[in-house]
């Protein structure tokens, strides 16, 4: 009987010892997380519009490519009324590009950027340094919501070229602000991209501006010109330009010098 009485006490003591050991700092057992399928293995669909005219489609496409995700394109025809309204800046909201990935649908360009930064951290779409990261977000947001004069008077048109284009004064103010941003970033972080050696969200956001400067023969300072040439030489940009030149449809409103 004595032996039977002591058995529960021994078990309780053993349980207490194990509990005490687990509670000690540095001694807690670590549960191994179950292996999860990498999000980057999931096929990604990106809905875009015209490669020739749509700067927002280019931004979303570059972000997805910079993130390294496998990509399937779903292209809406430029002559679709809703698509045409977005390209001509007549739509109340911009719903293209739209990213579908792992059952998640994201359609705002900055939201796409932040989502891709979360699921593809190895791509370093935002700088590692907190101060630089905040700076990157700030200038990306400025491009997302600003520069309306540049957008309206120098619309994206990759297949055309307007030498000696007369630039409206308000558009020139936008150009001056953009090139000031570029110079500041390159001088602060050492280039060649806006935040150093790695392409970030900011480079994807400003890449369409480089095409506008080329299309409308915009003269800029040497640092800004070098940055434009660098971005236009990226393999992703060359691929996009090739696709733009093969598009069959034109939008008359954007193919005239005004």
Protein backbone atom coordinates (compact mmCIF):
# COMPACT_ATOMS: atom_id res chain seq x y z
CA UNK A 1 0.00 0.00 0.00
CA UNK A 2 2.89 2.32 0.80
CA UNK A 3 4.31 1.79 -2.64
CA UNK A 4 0.98 2.57 -4.27
CA UNK A 5 0.63 5.75 -2.23
CA UNK A 6 4.03 7.08 -3.28
CA UNK A 7 3.57 6.54 -7.01
CA UNK A 8 1.30 9.57 -7.62
CA UNK A 9 3.66 11.75 -5.59
CA UNK A 10 6.60 10.72 -7.76
CA UNK A 11 4.58 11.47 -10.88
CA UNK A 12 3.58 14.86 -9.51
CA UNK A 13 7.17 15.66 -8.63
CA UNK A 14 8.33 14.67 -12.07
CA UNK A 15 5.61 16.84 -13.63
CA UNK A 16 6.61 19.78 -11.41
CA UNK A 17 10.29 19.35 -12.30
CA UNK A 18 9.46 19.34 -16.01
CA UNK A 19 7.24 22.39 -15.61
CA UNK A 20 9.93 24.25 -13.67
CA UNK A 21 12.56 23.44 -16.29
CA UNK A 22 10.28 24.67 -19.05
CA UNK A 23 9.68 27.93 -17.21
CA UNK A 24 13.38 28.77 -16.84
CA UNK A 25 14.66 31.41 -19.26
CA UNK A 26 16.33 29.84 -22.27
CA UNK A 27 14.99 26.39 -21.41
CA UNK A 28 11.52 26.59 -22.93
CA UNK A 29 10.93 23.99 -25.62
CA UNK A 30 10.52 25.44 -29.11
CA UNK A 31 7.67 24.03 -31.16
CA UNK A 32 8.70 23.39 -34.71
CA UNK A 33 6.30 25.11 -37.11
CA UNK A 34 4.85 22.90 -39.82
CA UNK A 35 6.42 23.39 -43.20
CA UNK A 36 4.31 25.79 -45.28
CA UNK A 37 4.23 26.04 -49.03
CA UNK A 38 6.14 29.12 -50.14
CA UNK A 39 3.84 31.87 -51.37
CA UNK A 40 6.20 32.48 -54.26
CA UNK A 41 5.32 29.02 -55.61
CA UNK A 42 1.77 30.18 -56.29
CA UNK A 43 0.93 31.32 -59.80
CA UNK A 44 0.26 35.04 -59.90
CA UNK A 45 -2.21 36.72 -62.26
CA UNK A 46 -1.84 40.41 -62.97
CA UNK A 47 -4.61 42.21 -64.81
CA UNK A 48 -3.28 45.11 -66.85
CA UNK A 49 -4.42 47.33 -69.69
CA UNK A 50 -2.39 48.84 -72.51
CA UNK A 51 1.36 48.46 -72.32
CA UNK A 52 1.76 51.50 -74.52
CA UNK A 53 -0.45 53.91 -72.58
CA UNK A 54 -0.94 52.64 -69.02
CA UNK A 55 1.69 53.83 -66.54
CA UNK A 56 -0.15 52.17 -63.63
CA UNK A 57 -0.11 48.81 -65.38
CA UNK A 58 3.64 49.20 -65.84
CA UNK A 59 4.13 50.00 -62.15
CA UNK A 60 2.21 46.94 -60.99
CA UNK A 61 3.95 44.72 -63.51
CA UNK A 62 7.41 45.95 -62.50
CA UNK A 63 6.63 45.46 -58.82
CA UNK A 64 5.58 41.88 -59.46
CA UNK A 65 8.65 41.18 -61.58
CA UNK A 66 10.98 42.84 -59.07
CA UNK A 67 9.43 40.60 -56.40
CA UNK A 68 10.36 37.55 -58.44
CA UNK A 69 6.87 36.03 -58.64
CA UNK A 70 5.88 33.79 -61.57
CA UNK A 71 3.48 35.91 -63.54
CA UNK A 72 0.55 35.38 -65.87
CA UNK A 73 -0.79 38.50 -67.61
CA UNK A 74 -4.47 39.17 -68.15
CA UNK A 75 -4.67 42.07 -70.59
CA UNK A 76 -7.85 44.13 -70.90
CA UNK A 77 -8.39 45.66 -74.36
CA UNK A 78 -7.61 49.40 -74.48
CA UNK A 79 -10.84 50.08 -76.38
CA UNK A 80 -12.99 48.77 -73.53
CA UNK A 81 -14.94 51.82 -72.18
CA UNK A 82 -13.87 51.38 -68.53
CA UNK A 83 -10.27 50.70 -69.52
CA UNK A 84 -10.22 53.73 -71.80
CA UNK A 85 -11.60 55.92 -69.01
CA UNK A 86 -8.83 54.85 -66.66
CA UNK A 87 -6.09 55.48 -69.21
CA UNK A 88 -7.51 58.92 -70.07
CA UNK A 89 -7.74 59.80 -66.34
CA UNK A 90 -11.53 60.04 -66.60
CA UNK A 91 -12.33 57.24 -64.17
CA UNK A 92 -13.32 57.93 -60.56
CA UNK A 93 -11.07 55.10 -59.38
CA UNK A 94 -8.17 53.10 -60.78
CA UNK A 95 -8.78 49.35 -60.54
CA UNK A 96 -5.97 48.22 -62.83
CA UNK A 97 -3.44 46.78 -62.27
CA UNK A 98 -5.03 44.06 -60.16
CA UNK A 99 -2.94 41.33 -58.54
CA UNK A 100 -4.39 37.90 -57.73
CA UNK A 101 -2.10 35.69 -55.69
CA UNK A 102 -2.72 32.79 -53.32
CA UNK A 103 -6.45 33.54 -53.24
CA UNK A 104 -5.83 37.22 -52.42
CA UNK A 105 -6.90 40.07 -54.71
CA UNK A 106 -5.18 43.48 -54.51
CA UNK A 107 -5.80 46.32 -56.97
CA UNK A 108 -4.29 49.58 -55.67
CA UNK A 109 -0.68 49.95 -56.80
CA UNK A 110 0.72 50.91 -53.40
CA UNK A 111 -1.31 48.14 -51.79
CA UNK A 112 0.20 45.73 -54.33
CA UNK A 113 3.66 47.03 -53.42
CA UNK A 114 3.13 46.53 -49.70
CA UNK A 115 1.60 43.09 -50.23
CA UNK A 116 4.53 41.96 -52.37
CA UNK A 117 6.98 43.29 -49.78
CA UNK A 118 5.24 41.11 -47.16
CA UNK A 119 5.11 37.87 -49.14
CA UNK A 120 8.48 38.25 -50.88
CA UNK A 121 10.79 39.73 -48.22
CA UNK A 122 13.80 38.26 -50.01
CA UNK A 123 13.19 40.75 -52.85
CA UNK A 124 13.92 43.72 -50.54
CA UNK A 125 11.33 45.94 -52.19
CA UNK A 126 11.72 48.29 -49.22
CA UNK A 127 15.13 49.27 -47.78
CA UNK A 128 16.32 47.50 -44.63
CA UNK A 129 17.11 50.75 -42.79
CA UNK A 130 14.04 52.26 -41.08
CA UNK A 131 14.84 55.83 -42.10
CA UNK A 132 15.41 54.86 -45.73
CA UNK A 133 12.29 52.71 -45.64
CA UNK A 134 10.19 55.66 -44.51
CA UNK A 135 11.77 57.83 -47.20
CA UNK A 136 11.02 55.20 -49.85
CA UNK A 137 7.38 55.01 -48.79
CA UNK A 138 7.07 58.81 -48.75
CA UNK A 139 8.32 59.41 -52.29
CA UNK A 140 6.36 56.42 -53.59
CA UNK A 141 3.22 57.87 -52.04
CA UNK A 142 4.01 61.25 -53.57
CA UNK A 143 4.12 59.68 -57.02
CA UNK A 144 0.95 57.72 -56.30
CA UNK A 145 -1.11 60.78 -55.41
CA UNK A 146 0.67 63.72 -57.04
CA UNK A 147 2.08 65.16 -60.26
CA UNK A 148 -1.31 65.55 -61.93
CA UNK A 149 -0.04 68.19 -64.37
CA UNK A 150 2.67 65.84 -65.64
CA UNK A 151 0.17 63.00 -66.02
CA UNK A 152 -2.36 65.06 -67.97
CA UNK A 153 -0.04 66.99 -70.26
CA UNK A 154 2.61 64.31 -70.85
CA UNK A 155 0.61 61.06 -70.94
CA UNK A 156 2.51 57.82 -71.30
CA UNK A 157 2.95 56.84 -74.95
CA UNK A 158 5.83 54.47 -75.60
CA UNK A 159 5.38 54.14 -79.34
CA UNK A 160 5.60 57.83 -80.09
CA UNK A 161 8.17 60.59 -79.84
CA UNK A 162 7.60 64.34 -79.75
CA UNK A 163 10.89 66.20 -80.14
CA UNK A 164 11.01 69.78 -78.85
CA UNK A 165 7.69 69.26 -77.09
CA UNK A 166 6.40 72.45 -75.46
CA UNK A 167 6.04 71.74 -71.74
CA UNK A 168 3.33 73.50 -69.76
CA UNK A 169 4.68 75.49 -66.79
CA UNK A 170 2.78 73.43 -64.21
CA UNK A 171 4.11 70.22 -65.75
CA UNK A 172 7.61 71.70 -65.58
CA UNK A 173 7.10 72.25 -61.84
CA UNK A 174 6.28 68.54 -61.51
CA UNK A 175 9.37 67.63 -63.53
CA UNK A 176 11.55 69.84 -61.31
CA UNK A 177 10.17 68.20 -58.17
CA UNK A 178 10.68 64.67 -59.54
CA UNK A 179 14.27 65.30 -60.57
CA UNK A 180 14.96 66.89 -57.17
CA UNK A 181 13.69 63.69 -55.54
CA UNK A 182 15.93 61.59 -57.76
CA UNK A 183 19.03 63.68 -57.08
CA UNK A 184 18.41 63.67 -53.34
CA UNK A 185 17.97 59.90 -53.24
CA UNK A 186 20.96 59.10 -55.40
CA UNK A 187 23.21 61.48 -53.51
CA UNK A 188 21.97 60.20 -50.13
CA UNK A 189 22.05 56.45 -50.82
CA UNK A 190 24.84 56.28 -53.39
CA UNK A 191 22.86 55.01 -56.38
CA UNK A 192 22.67 53.74 -58.99
CA UNK A 193 19.00 53.16 -58.06
CA UNK A 194 17.04 55.51 -55.84
CA UNK A 195 17.90 53.62 -52.65
CA UNK A 196 21.27 52.19 -53.51
CA UNK A 197 22.24 49.01 -55.33
CA UNK A 198 18.84 47.34 -54.93
CA UNK A 199 15.73 48.17 -56.94
CA UNK A 200 12.85 49.11 -54.66
CA UNK A 201 9.20 50.08 -54.76
CA UNK A 202 10.27 53.65 -55.54
CA UNK A 203 12.07 52.63 -58.74
CA UNK A 204 8.95 50.84 -59.98
CA UNK A 205 6.82 53.88 -59.15
CA UNK A 206 9.05 56.35 -61.01
CA UNK A 207 9.98 54.15 -63.99
CA UNK A 208 7.05 55.38 -66.17
CA UNK A 209 8.32 58.94 -65.71
CA UNK A 210 11.54 57.90 -67.44
CA UNK A 211 9.52 56.82 -70.46
CA UNK A 212 7.63 60.15 -70.47
CA UNK A 213 10.91 62.09 -70.45
CA UNK A 214 12.04 60.06 -73.46
CA UNK A 215 8.75 60.39 -75.35
CA UNK A 216 8.48 64.17 -74.89
CA UNK A 217 12.17 64.97 -75.24
CA UNK A 218 12.40 66.37 -71.69
CA UNK A 219 15.82 67.78 -70.83
CA UNK A 220 17.01 67.03 -67.30
CA UNK A 221 20.20 67.30 -65.25
CA UNK A 222 23.02 64.71 -65.72
CA UNK A 223 22.16 62.71 -62.56
CA UNK A 224 18.51 62.41 -63.57
CA UNK A 225 19.42 61.58 -67.15
CA UNK A 226 21.74 58.80 -65.99
CA UNK A 227 18.98 57.41 -63.79
CA UNK A 228 16.51 57.45 -66.70
CA UNK A 229 18.96 55.61 -68.91
CA UNK A 230 19.60 53.05 -66.19
CA UNK A 231 15.90 52.32 -65.69
CA UNK A 232 15.19 52.12 -69.42
CA UNK A 233 18.06 49.63 -69.77
CA UNK A 234 16.60 47.21 -67.23
CA UNK A 235 15.60 43.89 -68.84
CA UNK A 236 12.06 44.18 -67.49
CA UNK A 237 11.67 47.60 -69.06
CA UNK A 238 12.99 46.35 -72.39
CA UNK A 239 10.49 43.49 -72.27
CA UNK A 240 7.61 45.88 -71.54
CA UNK A 241 8.67 48.27 -74.32
CA UNK A 242 8.77 45.41 -76.79
CA UNK A 243 5.23 44.45 -75.83
CA UNK A 244 4.05 48.05 -76.12
CA UNK A 245 5.35 48.38 -79.64
CA UNK A 246 3.46 45.29 -80.75
CA UNK A 247 0.06 46.49 -79.54
CA UNK A 248 -2.37 46.87 -82.47
CA UNK A 249 -4.70 49.53 -81.08
CA UNK A 250 -4.23 53.28 -80.79
CA UNK A 251 -6.03 55.79 -78.62
CA UNK A 252 -6.35 58.86 -80.81
CA UNK A 253 -6.52 61.30 -77.89
CA UNK A 254 -3.05 60.22 -76.78
CA UNK A 255 -1.41 60.04 -80.20
CA UNK A 256 -1.47 63.73 -81.04
CA UNK A 257 0.78 66.52 -79.91
CA UNK A 258 -1.26 68.97 -77.87
